[in-house]
Amino acid sequence: MYEYQFVETSLGGFFSSPTHRETISEYAAQGWRLVQVLPLEYNGHGKPTSYEIIFERPIQE
């Protein structure tokens, strides 16, 4: 069996930096495996502005 974490992140914008690499590294260090990245919101030009990163790991028994 697996447990899952769903983490919202951004690729950055005009005034902000992307955070996805730090998020993936942080969770990987805790034993999570990246499963998928899904876009959540889009700007007026159809470009995704936020994402949900899905991680999984075996349930610790």
Protein backbone atom coordinates (compact mmCIF):
# COMPACT_ATOMS: atom_id res chain seq x y z
CA MET A 1 0.00 0.00 0.00
CA TYR A 2 1.05 3.57 -0.63
CA GLU A 3 0.34 6.92 0.94
CA TYR A 4 0.13 10.10 -1.11
CA GLN A 5 0.95 13.77 -0.64
CA PHE A 6 -0.52 16.51 -2.84
CA VAL A 7 1.53 19.72 -2.84
CA GLU A 8 0.56 22.92 -4.65
CA THR A 9 3.45 24.89 -6.14
CA SER A 10 4.17 27.63 -8.66
CA LEU A 11 6.48 27.96 -11.63
CA GLY A 12 6.97 31.58 -10.69
CA GLY A 13 5.82 34.72 -12.35
CA PHE A 14 6.81 38.31 -12.97
CA PHE A 15 7.48 39.00 -9.28
CA SER A 16 8.12 35.49 -7.93
CA SER A 17 10.58 32.66 -8.44
CA PRO A 18 9.65 29.06 -9.17
CA THR A 19 9.55 26.70 -6.18
CA HIS A 20 9.03 23.30 -7.83
CA ARG A 21 12.65 22.13 -7.65
CA GLU A 22 12.95 22.90 -3.94
CA THR A 23 9.63 21.17 -3.27
CA ILE A 24 10.62 18.01 -5.16
CA SER A 25 14.03 17.86 -3.45
CA GLU A 26 12.50 18.39 -0.01
CA TYR A 27 9.98 15.57 -0.41
CA ALA A 28 12.50 13.21 -2.03
CA ALA A 29 14.76 13.63 1.01
CA GLN A 30 11.84 12.43 3.14
CA GLY A 31 11.40 9.27 1.07
CA TRP A 32 8.62 10.47 -1.26
CA ARG A 33 8.66 9.59 -4.98
CA LEU A 34 7.36 11.99 -7.61
CA VAL A 35 4.33 10.49 -9.37
CA GLN A 36 2.85 13.30 -11.46
CA VAL A 37 2.54 17.06 -11.88
CA LEU A 38 -0.91 18.47 -12.74
CA PRO A 39 -1.68 22.06 -13.77
CA LEU A 40 -4.35 23.63 -11.53
CA GLU A 41 -4.84 27.20 -12.75
CA TYR A 42 -4.19 29.02 -16.01
CA ASN A 43 -3.62 32.67 -16.89
CA GLY A 44 -5.48 34.55 -19.63
CA HIS A 45 -3.05 33.25 -22.25
CA GLY A 46 -3.63 29.58 -21.39
CA LYS A 47 -0.31 29.16 -19.56
CA PRO A 48 -0.49 27.16 -16.31
CA THR A 49 0.28 29.33 -13.28
CA SER A 50 0.07 26.79 -10.45
CA TYR A 51 0.59 23.06 -10.23
CA GLU A 52 -0.12 20.18 -7.90
CA ILE A 53 2.80 17.81 -7.42
CA ILE A 54 1.77 14.29 -6.40
CA PHE A 55 4.16 12.17 -4.35
CA GLU A 56 3.88 8.61 -3.08
CA ARG A 57 5.75 6.32 -0.73
CA PRO A 58 5.10 2.92 0.81
CA ILE A 59 3.13 3.10 4.06
CA GLN A 60 5.48 2.75 7.01
CA GLU A 61 4.23 -0.12 9.18
